[in-house]
Every structure is written in structure tokens, then in C-alpha cells.
Amino acid sequence: LLMFIKLAIGLGAVSYGLISKQNFMVRLGLAAAGLL
């Protein structure tokens, strides 16, 4: 369950980093943090 939550948080960060309308550096940081 903990690994599922970790995977969900990471996937959410990557997805938000790819589709959001934020600054490019914020989006890049979110995608990188999600992958980590």
C-alpha cells in the first residue's frame, strides 16, 4: 500500500508537470521529482 501511494504521488507529479500551464522550470522540476 505504501509503494502504491508512492507510485501514485510520483505519477501525479509527472503528469502535472507535463500538462500544467506553469513556468517551464516548475514543470521540469515536477516531472523530475515525480520520476525520482
Full PDB file with SEQRES, HELIX, SHEET, SSBOND, CRYST1, ORIGX, SCALE, CONECT and MASTER records, all heavy atoms in Angstrom:
SEQRES   1 A   36  LEU LEU MET PHE ILE LYS LEU ALA ILE GLY LEU GLY ALA          
SEQRES   2 A   36  VAL SER TYR GLY LEU ILE SER LYS GLN ASN PHE MET VAL          
SEQRES   3 A   36  ARG LEU GLY LEU ALA ALA ALA GLY LEU LEU                      
HELIX    1 AA1 LEU A    2  ILE A   19  1                                  18    
HELIX    2 AA2 PHE A   24  LEU A   35  1                                  12    
CRYST1    1.000    1.000    1.000  90.00  90.00  90.00 P 1           1          
ORIGX1      1.000000  0.000000  0.000000        0.00000                         
ORIGX2      0.000000  1.000000  0.000000        0.00000                         
ORIGX3      0.000000  0.000000  1.000000        0.00000                         
SCALE1      1.000000  0.000000  0.000000        0.00000                         
SCALE2      0.000000  1.000000  0.000000        0.00000                         
SCALE3      0.000000  0.000000  1.000000        0.00000                         
ATOM      1  N   LEU A   1       0.827  -1.204   0.000  1.00  0.00           N  
ATOM      2  CA  LEU A   1       0.000   0.000   0.000  1.00  0.00           C  
ATOM      3  C   LEU A   1       0.867   1.261   0.000  1.00  0.00           C  
ATOM      4  O   LEU A   1       0.578   2.214  -0.720  1.00  0.00           O  
ATOM      5  CB  LEU A   1      -0.937   0.004   1.208  1.00  0.00           C  
ATOM      6  CG  LEU A   1      -1.880   1.190   1.331  1.00  0.00           C  
ATOM      7  CD1 LEU A   1      -2.834   1.236   0.150  1.00  0.00           C  
ATOM      8  CD2 LEU A   1      -2.633   1.132   2.637  1.00  0.00           C  
ATOM      9  N   LEU A   2       1.934   1.258   0.773  1.00  0.00           N  
ATOM     10  CA  LEU A   2       2.845   2.403   0.789  1.00  0.00           C  
ATOM     11  C   LEU A   2       3.529   2.603  -0.566  1.00  0.00           C  
ATOM     12  O   LEU A   2       3.673   3.731  -1.028  1.00  0.00           O  
ATOM     13  CB  LEU A   2       3.882   2.240   1.893  1.00  0.00           C  
ATOM     14  CG  LEU A   2       3.360   2.346   3.321  1.00  0.00           C  
ATOM     15  CD1 LEU A   2       4.466   2.045   4.315  1.00  0.00           C  
ATOM     16  CD2 LEU A   2       2.759   3.703   3.575  1.00  0.00           C  
ATOM     17  N   MET A   3       3.922   1.507  -1.208  1.00  0.00           N  
ATOM     18  CA  MET A   3       4.540   1.620  -2.528  1.00  0.00           C  
ATOM     19  C   MET A   3       3.524   2.094  -3.566  1.00  0.00           C  
ATOM     20  O   MET A   3       3.864   2.855  -4.482  1.00  0.00           O  
ATOM     21  CB  MET A   3       5.137   0.281  -2.973  1.00  0.00           C  
ATOM     22  CG  MET A   3       6.375  -0.134  -2.209  1.00  0.00           C  
ATOM     23  SD  MET A   3       7.713   1.061  -2.377  1.00  0.00           S  
ATOM     24  CE  MET A   3       7.906   1.556  -0.688  1.00  0.00           C  
ATOM     25  N   PHE A   4       2.266   1.674  -3.422  1.00  0.00           N  
ATOM     26  CA  PHE A   4       1.215   2.152  -4.318  1.00  0.00           C  
ATOM     27  C   PHE A   4       1.014   3.658  -4.174  1.00  0.00           C  
ATOM     28  O   PHE A   4       0.899   4.378  -5.169  1.00  0.00           O  
ATOM     29  CB  PHE A   4      -0.095   1.413  -4.039  1.00  0.00           C  
ATOM     30  CG  PHE A   4      -1.263   1.968  -4.800  1.00  0.00           C  
ATOM     31  CD1 PHE A   4      -1.408   1.697  -6.144  1.00  0.00           C  
ATOM     32  CD2 PHE A   4      -2.193   2.769  -4.166  1.00  0.00           C  
ATOM     33  CE1 PHE A   4      -2.478   2.222  -6.855  1.00  0.00           C  
ATOM     34  CE2 PHE A   4      -3.260   3.289  -4.859  1.00  0.00           C  
ATOM     35  CZ  PHE A   4      -3.403   3.017  -6.215  1.00  0.00           C  
ATOM     36  N   ILE A   5       1.000   4.128  -2.946  1.00  0.00           N  
ATOM     37  CA  ILE A   5       0.845   5.569  -2.697  1.00  0.00           C  
ATOM     38  C   ILE A   5       2.041   6.333  -3.258  1.00  0.00           C  
ATOM     39  O   ILE A   5       1.888   7.388  -3.874  1.00  0.00           O  
ATOM     40  CB  ILE A   5       0.640   5.840  -1.192  1.00  0.00           C  
ATOM     41  CG1 ILE A   5      -0.722   5.287  -0.749  1.00  0.00           C  
ATOM     42  CG2 ILE A   5       0.757   7.323  -0.876  1.00  0.00           C  
ATOM     43  CD1 ILE A   5      -0.920   5.267   0.743  1.00  0.00           C  
ATOM     44  N   LYS A   6       3.233   5.791  -3.058  1.00  0.00           N  
ATOM     45  CA  LYS A   6       4.448   6.414  -3.596  1.00  0.00           C  
ATOM     46  C   LYS A   6       4.383   6.490  -5.120  1.00  0.00           C  
ATOM     47  O   LYS A   6       4.690   7.527  -5.722  1.00  0.00           O  
ATOM     48  CB  LYS A   6       5.659   5.590  -3.154  1.00  0.00           C  
ATOM     49  CG  LYS A   6       6.965   6.070  -3.698  1.00  0.00           C  
ATOM     50  CD  LYS A   6       8.081   5.135  -3.229  1.00  0.00           C  
ATOM     51  CE  LYS A   6       9.302   5.319  -4.076  1.00  0.00           C  
ATOM     52  NZ  LYS A   6      10.346   4.364  -3.776  1.00  0.00           N  
ATOM     53  N   LEU A   7       3.953   5.423  -5.762  1.00  0.00           N  
ATOM     54  CA  LEU A   7       3.835   5.404  -7.217  1.00  0.00           C  
ATOM     55  C   LEU A   7       2.767   6.385  -7.692  1.00  0.00           C  
ATOM     56  O   LEU A   7       2.956   7.087  -8.682  1.00  0.00           O  
ATOM     57  CB  LEU A   7       3.508   3.985  -7.686  1.00  0.00           C  
ATOM     58  CG  LEU A   7       3.467   3.721  -9.179  1.00  0.00           C  
ATOM     59  CD1 LEU A   7       4.819   3.997  -9.809  1.00  0.00           C  
ATOM     60  CD2 LEU A   7       3.055   2.290  -9.437  1.00  0.00           C  
ATOM     61  N   ALA A   8       1.668   6.482  -6.967  1.00  0.00           N  
ATOM     62  CA  ALA A   8       0.597   7.410  -7.336  1.00  0.00           C  
ATOM     63  C   ALA A   8       1.055   8.865  -7.213  1.00  0.00           C  
ATOM     64  O   ALA A   8       0.754   9.696  -8.087  1.00  0.00           O  
ATOM     65  CB  ALA A   8      -0.630   7.163  -6.464  1.00  0.00           C  
ATOM     66  N   ILE A   9       1.782   9.185  -6.159  1.00  0.00           N  
ATOM     67  CA  ILE A   9       2.287  10.547  -5.982  1.00  0.00           C  
ATOM     68  C   ILE A   9       3.285  10.893  -7.087  1.00  0.00           C  
ATOM     69  O   ILE A   9       3.233  11.976  -7.678  1.00  0.00           O  
ATOM     70  CB  ILE A   9       2.911  10.724  -4.583  1.00  0.00           C  
ATOM     71  CG1 ILE A   9       1.813  10.695  -3.520  1.00  0.00           C  
ATOM     72  CG2 ILE A   9       3.722  12.010  -4.492  1.00  0.00           C  
ATOM     73  CD1 ILE A   9       2.336  10.618  -2.106  1.00  0.00           C  
ATOM     74  N   GLY A  10       4.188   9.983  -7.380  1.00  0.00           N  
ATOM     75  CA  GLY A  10       5.167  10.225  -8.437  1.00  0.00           C  
ATOM     76  C   GLY A  10       4.516  10.376  -9.799  1.00  0.00           C  
ATOM     77  O   GLY A  10       4.865  11.276 -10.571  1.00  0.00           O  
ATOM     78  N   LEU A  11       3.546   9.528 -10.099  1.00  0.00           N  
ATOM     79  CA  LEU A  11       2.849   9.624 -11.378  1.00  0.00           C  
ATOM     80  C   LEU A  11       2.035  10.904 -11.471  1.00  0.00           C  
ATOM     81  O   LEU A  11       1.989  11.539 -12.529  1.00  0.00           O  
ATOM     82  CB  LEU A  11       1.952   8.411 -11.586  1.00  0.00           C  
ATOM     83  CG  LEU A  11       1.195   8.340 -12.898  1.00  0.00           C  
ATOM     84  CD1 LEU A  11       2.158   8.340 -14.070  1.00  0.00           C  
ATOM     85  CD2 LEU A  11       0.314   7.116 -12.927  1.00  0.00           C  
ATOM     86  N   GLY A  12       1.433  11.305 -10.367  1.00  0.00           N  
ATOM     87  CA  GLY A  12       0.696  12.567 -10.350  1.00  0.00           C  
ATOM     88  C   GLY A  12       1.608  13.755 -10.608  1.00  0.00           C  
ATOM     89  O   GLY A  12       1.255  14.674 -11.359  1.00  0.00           O  
ATOM     90  N   ALA A  13       2.792  13.745 -10.017  1.00  0.00           N  
ATOM     91  CA  ALA A  13       3.744  14.846 -10.231  1.00  0.00           C  
ATOM     92  C   ALA A  13       4.232  14.881 -11.673  1.00  0.00           C  
ATOM     93  O   ALA A  13       4.322  15.958 -12.276  1.00  0.00           O  
ATOM     94  CB  ALA A  13       4.928  14.713  -9.273  1.00  0.00           C  
ATOM     95  N   VAL A  14       4.525  13.727 -12.246  1.00  0.00           N  
ATOM     96  CA  VAL A  14       4.978  13.688 -13.639  1.00  0.00           C  
ATOM     97  C   VAL A  14       3.862  14.164 -14.566  1.00  0.00           C  
ATOM     98  O   VAL A  14       4.086  14.975 -15.464  1.00  0.00           O  
ATOM     99  CB  VAL A  14       5.438  12.265 -14.028  1.00  0.00           C  
ATOM    100  CG1 VAL A  14       5.655  12.160 -15.521  1.00  0.00           C  
ATOM    101  CG2 VAL A  14       6.707  11.900 -13.296  1.00  0.00           C  
ATOM    102  N   SER A  15       2.658  13.678 -14.350  1.00  0.00           N  
ATOM    103  CA  SER A  15       1.529  14.072 -15.197  1.00  0.00           C  
ATOM    104  C   SER A  15       1.253  15.563 -15.094  1.00  0.00           C  
ATOM    105  O   SER A  15       1.054  16.237 -16.108  1.00  0.00           O  
ATOM    106  CB  SER A  15       0.276  13.291 -14.816  1.00  0.00           C  
ATOM    107  OG  SER A  15       0.451  11.926 -15.052  1.00  0.00           O  
ATOM    108  N   TYR A  16       1.242  16.086 -13.883  1.00  0.00           N  
ATOM    109  CA  TYR A  16       1.003  17.522 -13.706  1.00  0.00           C  
ATOM    110  C   TYR A  16       2.136  18.339 -14.324  1.00  0.00           C  
ATOM    111  O   TYR A  16       1.895  19.394 -14.901  1.00  0.00           O  
ATOM    112  CB  TYR A  16       0.832  17.864 -12.230  1.00  0.00           C  
ATOM    113  CG  TYR A  16       0.404  19.291 -12.013  1.00  0.00           C  
ATOM    114  CD1 TYR A  16      -0.890  19.690 -12.316  1.00  0.00           C  
ATOM    115  CD2 TYR A  16       1.293  20.232 -11.535  1.00  0.00           C  
ATOM    116  CE1 TYR A  16      -1.283  21.006 -12.135  1.00  0.00           C  
ATOM    117  CE2 TYR A  16       0.915  21.551 -11.351  1.00  0.00           C  
ATOM    118  CZ  TYR A  16      -0.380  21.929 -11.651  1.00  0.00           C  
ATOM    119  OH  TYR A  16      -0.765  23.227 -11.484  1.00  0.00           O  
ATOM    120  N   GLY A  17       3.361  17.850 -14.212  1.00  0.00           N  
ATOM    121  CA  GLY A  17       4.484  18.541 -14.819  1.00  0.00           C  
ATOM    122  C   GLY A  17       4.394  18.588 -16.341  1.00  0.00           C  
ATOM    123  O   GLY A  17       4.848  19.529 -16.964  1.00  0.00           O  
ATOM    124  N   LEU A  18       3.793  17.575 -16.929  1.00  0.00           N  
ATOM    125  CA  LEU A  18       3.680  17.542 -18.381  1.00  0.00           C  
ATOM    126  C   LEU A  18       2.507  18.354 -18.916  1.00  0.00           C  
ATOM    127  O   LEU A  18       2.595  18.916 -20.004  1.00  0.00           O  
ATOM    128  CB  LEU A  18       3.560  16.095 -18.871  1.00  0.00           C  
ATOM    129  CG  LEU A  18       4.816  15.249 -18.757  1.00  0.00           C  
ATOM    130  CD1 LEU A  18       4.519  13.813 -19.174  1.00  0.00           C  
ATOM    131  CD2 LEU A  18       5.932  15.814 -19.594  1.00  0.00           C  
ATOM    132  N   ILE A  19       1.389  18.412 -18.176  1.00  0.00           N  
ATOM    133  CA  ILE A  19       0.193  19.042 -18.746  1.00  0.00           C  
ATOM    134  C   ILE A  19      -0.153  20.400 -18.142  1.00  0.00           C  
ATOM    135  O   ILE A  19      -1.078  21.051 -18.614  1.00  0.00           O  
ATOM    136  CB  ILE A  19      -1.032  18.117 -18.643  1.00  0.00           C  
ATOM    137  CG1 ILE A  19      -1.404  17.850 -17.198  1.00  0.00           C  
ATOM    138  CG2 ILE A  19      -0.823  16.849 -19.418  1.00  0.00           C  
ATOM    139  CD1 ILE A  19      -2.697  17.088 -17.008  1.00  0.00           C  
ATOM    140  N   SER A  20       0.577  20.842 -17.133  1.00  0.00           N  
ATOM    141  CA  SER A  20       0.218  22.113 -16.498  1.00  0.00           C  
ATOM    142  C   SER A  20       0.665  23.295 -17.354  1.00  0.00           C  
ATOM    143  O   SER A  20       1.457  23.161 -18.273  1.00  0.00           O  
ATOM    144  CB  SER A  20       0.841  22.209 -15.107  1.00  0.00           C  
ATOM    145  OG  SER A  20       2.224  22.406 -15.210  1.00  0.00           O  
ATOM    146  N   LYS A  21       0.146  24.451 -17.010  1.00  0.00           N  
ATOM    147  CA  LYS A  21       0.480  25.693 -17.720  1.00  0.00           C  
ATOM    148  C   LYS A  21       1.435  26.557 -16.891  1.00  0.00           C  
ATOM    149  O   LYS A  21       1.501  27.752 -17.069  1.00  0.00           O  
ATOM    150  CB  LYS A  21      -0.798  26.489 -18.008  1.00  0.00           C  
ATOM    151  CG  LYS A  21      -1.802  25.750 -18.826  1.00  0.00           C  
ATOM    152  CD  LYS A  21      -1.303  25.582 -20.238  1.00  0.00           C  
ATOM    153  CE  LYS A  21      -2.404  24.914 -21.061  1.00  0.00           C  
ATOM    154  NZ  LYS A  21      -1.938  24.382 -22.300  1.00  0.00           N  
ATOM    155  N   GLN A  22       2.174  25.949 -15.999  1.00  0.00           N  
ATOM    156  CA  GLN A  22       3.119  26.664 -15.143  1.00  0.00           C  
ATOM    157  C   GLN A  22       4.367  27.054 -15.934  1.00  0.00           C  
ATOM    158  O   GLN A  22       4.515  26.731 -17.102  1.00  0.00           O  
ATOM    159  CB  GLN A  22       3.518  25.787 -13.954  1.00  0.00           C  
ATOM    160  CG  GLN A  22       2.386  25.398 -13.041  1.00  0.00           C  
ATOM    161  CD  GLN A  22       1.899  26.574 -12.232  1.00  0.00           C  
ATOM    162  OE1 GLN A  22       2.654  27.456 -11.875  1.00  0.00           O  
ATOM    163  NE2 GLN A  22       0.609  26.587 -11.948  1.00  0.00           N  
ATOM    164  N   ASN A  23       5.272  27.720 -15.252  1.00  0.00           N  
ATOM    165  CA  ASN A  23       6.584  28.067 -15.784  1.00  0.00           C  
ATOM    166  C   ASN A  23       7.310  26.772 -16.203  1.00  0.00           C  
ATOM    167  O   ASN A  23       7.146  25.725 -15.586  1.00  0.00           O  
ATOM    168  CB  ASN A  23       7.365  28.795 -14.693  1.00  0.00           C  
ATOM    169  CG  ASN A  23       8.714  29.262 -15.138  1.00  0.00           C  
ATOM    170  OD1 ASN A  23       9.140  29.028 -16.264  1.00  0.00           O  
ATOM    171  ND2 ASN A  23       9.398  29.941 -14.240  1.00  0.00           N  
ATOM    172  N   PHE A  24       8.131  26.858 -17.226  1.00  0.00           N  
ATOM    173  CA  PHE A  24       8.828  25.676 -17.729  1.00  0.00           C  
ATOM    174  C   PHE A  24       9.693  25.023 -16.660  1.00  0.00           C  
ATOM    175  O   PHE A  24       9.742  23.804 -16.555  1.00  0.00           O  
ATOM    176  CB  PHE A  24       9.685  26.030 -18.952  1.00  0.00           C  
ATOM    177  CG  PHE A  24      10.471  24.874 -19.467  1.00  0.00           C  
ATOM    178  CD1 PHE A  24       9.846  23.858 -20.165  1.00  0.00           C  
ATOM    179  CD2 PHE A  24      11.837  24.789 -19.238  1.00  0.00           C  
ATOM    180  CE1 PHE A  24      10.573  22.770 -20.630  1.00  0.00           C  
ATOM    181  CE2 PHE A  24      12.563  23.712 -19.697  1.00  0.00           C  
ATOM    182  CZ  PHE A  24      11.932  22.699 -20.406  1.00  0.00           C  
ATOM    183  N   MET A  25      10.380  25.819 -15.851  1.00  0.00           N  
ATOM    184  CA  MET A  25      11.253  25.262 -14.818  1.00  0.00           C  
ATOM    185  C   MET A  25      10.456  24.548 -13.739  1.00  0.00           C  
ATOM    186  O   MET A  25      10.895  23.510 -13.223  1.00  0.00           O  
ATOM    187  CB  MET A  25      12.131  26.362 -14.208  1.00  0.00           C  
ATOM    188  CG  MET A  25      13.133  26.948 -15.195  1.00  0.00           C  
ATOM    189  SD  MET A  25      14.166  25.701 -15.998  1.00  0.00           S  
ATOM    190  CE  MET A  25      15.175  25.175 -14.653  1.00  0.00           C  
ATOM    191  N   VAL A  26       9.280  25.056 -13.405  1.00  0.00           N  
ATOM    192  CA  VAL A  26       8.416  24.395 -12.418  1.00  0.00           C  
ATOM    193  C   VAL A  26       7.941  23.054 -12.980  1.00  0.00           C  
ATOM    194  O   VAL A  26       7.960  22.037 -12.285  1.00  0.00           O  
ATOM    195  CB  VAL A  26       7.217  25.298 -12.051  1.00  0.00           C  
ATOM    196  CG1 VAL A  26       6.221  24.565 -11.185  1.00  0.00           C  
ATOM    197  CG2 VAL A  26       7.701  26.568 -11.379  1.00  0.00           C  
ATOM    198  N   ARG A  27       7.547  23.066 -14.242  1.00  0.00           N  
ATOM    199  CA  ARG A  27       7.089  21.831 -14.873  1.00  0.00           C  
ATOM    200  C   ARG A  27       8.213  20.801 -14.953  1.00  0.00           C  
ATOM    201  O   ARG A  27       8.000  19.620 -14.680  1.00  0.00           O  
ATOM    202  CB  ARG A  27       6.560  22.136 -16.266  1.00  0.00           C  
ATOM    203  CG  ARG A  27       5.277  22.930 -16.231  1.00  0.00           C  
ATOM    204  CD  ARG A  27       4.804  23.391 -17.576  1.00  0.00           C  
ATOM    205  NE  ARG A  27       4.864  22.337 -18.578  1.00  0.00           N  
ATOM    206  CZ  ARG A  27       4.945  22.568 -19.874  1.00  0.00           C  
ATOM    207  NH1 ARG A  27       4.979  23.793 -20.322  1.00  0.00           N  
ATOM    208  NH2 ARG A  27       4.990  21.574 -20.716  1.00  0.00           N  
ATOM    209  N   LEU A  28       9.400  21.251 -15.306  1.00  0.00           N  
ATOM    210  CA  LEU A  28      10.544  20.355 -15.375  1.00  0.00           C  
ATOM    211  C   LEU A  28      10.880  19.794 -14.002  1.00  0.00           C  
ATOM    212  O   LEU A  28      11.164  18.600 -13.851  1.00  0.00           O  
ATOM    213  CB  LEU A  28      11.750  21.098 -15.965  1.00  0.00           C  
ATOM    214  CG  LEU A  28      13.002  20.282 -16.190  1.00  0.00           C  
ATOM    215  CD1 LEU A  28      12.757  19.215 -17.242  1.00  0.00           C  
ATOM    216  CD2 LEU A  28      14.147  21.183 -16.604  1.00  0.00           C  
ATOM    217  N   GLY A  29      10.826  20.637 -12.982  1.00  0.00           N  
ATOM    218  CA  GLY A  29      11.080  20.183 -11.617  1.00  0.00           C  
ATOM    219  C   GLY A  29      10.059  19.178 -11.137  1.00  0.00           C  
ATOM    220  O   GLY A  29      10.409  18.186 -10.488  1.00  0.00           O  
ATOM    221  N   LEU A  30       8.787  19.397 -11.454  1.00  0.00           N  
ATOM    222  CA  LEU A  30       7.745  18.449 -11.068  1.00  0.00           C  
ATOM    223  C   LEU A  30       7.931  17.102 -11.754  1.00  0.00           C  
ATOM    224  O   LEU A  30       7.804  16.042 -11.120  1.00  0.00           O  
ATOM    225  CB  LEU A  30       6.363  19.009 -11.407  1.00  0.00           C  
ATOM    226  CG  LEU A  30       5.749  19.947 -10.410  1.00  0.00           C  
ATOM    227  CD1 LEU A  30       4.494  20.589 -10.979  1.00  0.00           C  
ATOM    228  CD2 LEU A  30       5.419  19.214  -9.132  1.00  0.00           C  
ATOM    229  N   ALA A  31       8.219  17.132 -13.040  1.00  0.00           N  
ATOM    230  CA  ALA A  31       8.420  15.880 -13.766  1.00  0.00           C  
ATOM    231  C   ALA A  31       9.637  15.129 -13.238  1.00  0.00           C  
ATOM    232  O   ALA A  31       9.585  13.910 -13.029  1.00  0.00           O  
ATOM    233  CB  ALA A  31       8.557  16.161 -15.257  1.00  0.00           C  
ATOM    234  N   ALA A  32      10.715  15.837 -12.976  1.00  0.00           N  
ATOM    235  CA  ALA A  32      11.921  15.191 -12.454  1.00  0.00           C  
ATOM    236  C   ALA A  32      11.693  14.649 -11.042  1.00  0.00           C  
ATOM    237  O   ALA A  32      12.110  13.532 -10.726  1.00  0.00           O  
ATOM    238  CB  ALA A  32      13.084  16.182 -12.459  1.00  0.00           C  
ATOM    239  N   ALA A  33      11.023  15.429 -10.204  1.00  0.00           N  
ATOM    240  CA  ALA A  33      10.740  14.964  -8.842  1.00  0.00           C  
ATOM    241  C   ALA A  33       9.819  13.748  -8.868  1.00  0.00           C  
ATOM    242  O   ALA A  33      10.009  12.801  -8.091  1.00  0.00           O  
ATOM    243  CB  ALA A  33      10.110  16.088  -8.027  1.00  0.00           C  
ATOM    244  N   GLY A  34       8.848  13.755  -9.755  1.00  0.00           N  
ATOM    245  CA  GLY A  34       7.961  12.599  -9.876  1.00  0.00           C  
ATOM    246  C   GLY A  34       8.697  11.349 -10.296  1.00  0.00           C  
ATOM    247  O   GLY A  34       8.464  10.260  -9.755  1.00  0.00           O  
ATOM    248  N   LEU A  35       9.614  11.486 -11.246  1.00  0.00           N  
ATOM    249  CA  LEU A  35      10.404  10.320 -11.669  1.00  0.00           C  
ATOM    250  C   LEU A  35      11.307   9.837 -10.540  1.00  0.00           C  
ATOM    251  O   LEU A  35      11.486   8.621 -10.374  1.00  0.00           O  
ATOM    252  CB  LEU A  35      11.215  10.668 -12.906  1.00  0.00           C  
ATOM    253  CG  LEU A  35      10.425  10.830 -14.201  1.00  0.00           C  
ATOM    254  CD1 LEU A  35      11.325  11.307 -15.327  1.00  0.00           C  
ATOM    255  CD2 LEU A  35       9.737   9.519 -14.576  1.00  0.00           C  
ATOM    256  N   LEU A  36      11.868  10.755  -9.778  1.00  0.00           N  
ATOM    257  CA  LEU A  36      12.700  10.338  -8.644  1.00  0.00           C  
ATOM    258  C   LEU A  36      11.880   9.603  -7.598  1.00  0.00           C  
ATOM    259  O   LEU A  36      12.346   8.600  -7.036  1.00  0.00           O  
ATOM    260  CB  LEU A  36      13.377  11.563  -8.013  1.00  0.00           C  
ATOM    261  CG  LEU A  36      14.559  12.130  -8.761  1.00  0.00           C  
ATOM    262  CD1 LEU A  36      15.051  13.405  -8.095  1.00  0.00           C  
ATOM    263  CD2 LEU A  36      15.684  11.111  -8.839  1.00  0.00           C  
TER     264      LEU A  36                                                      
MASTER        0    0    0    2    0    0    0    6  263    1    0    3          
END                                                                             
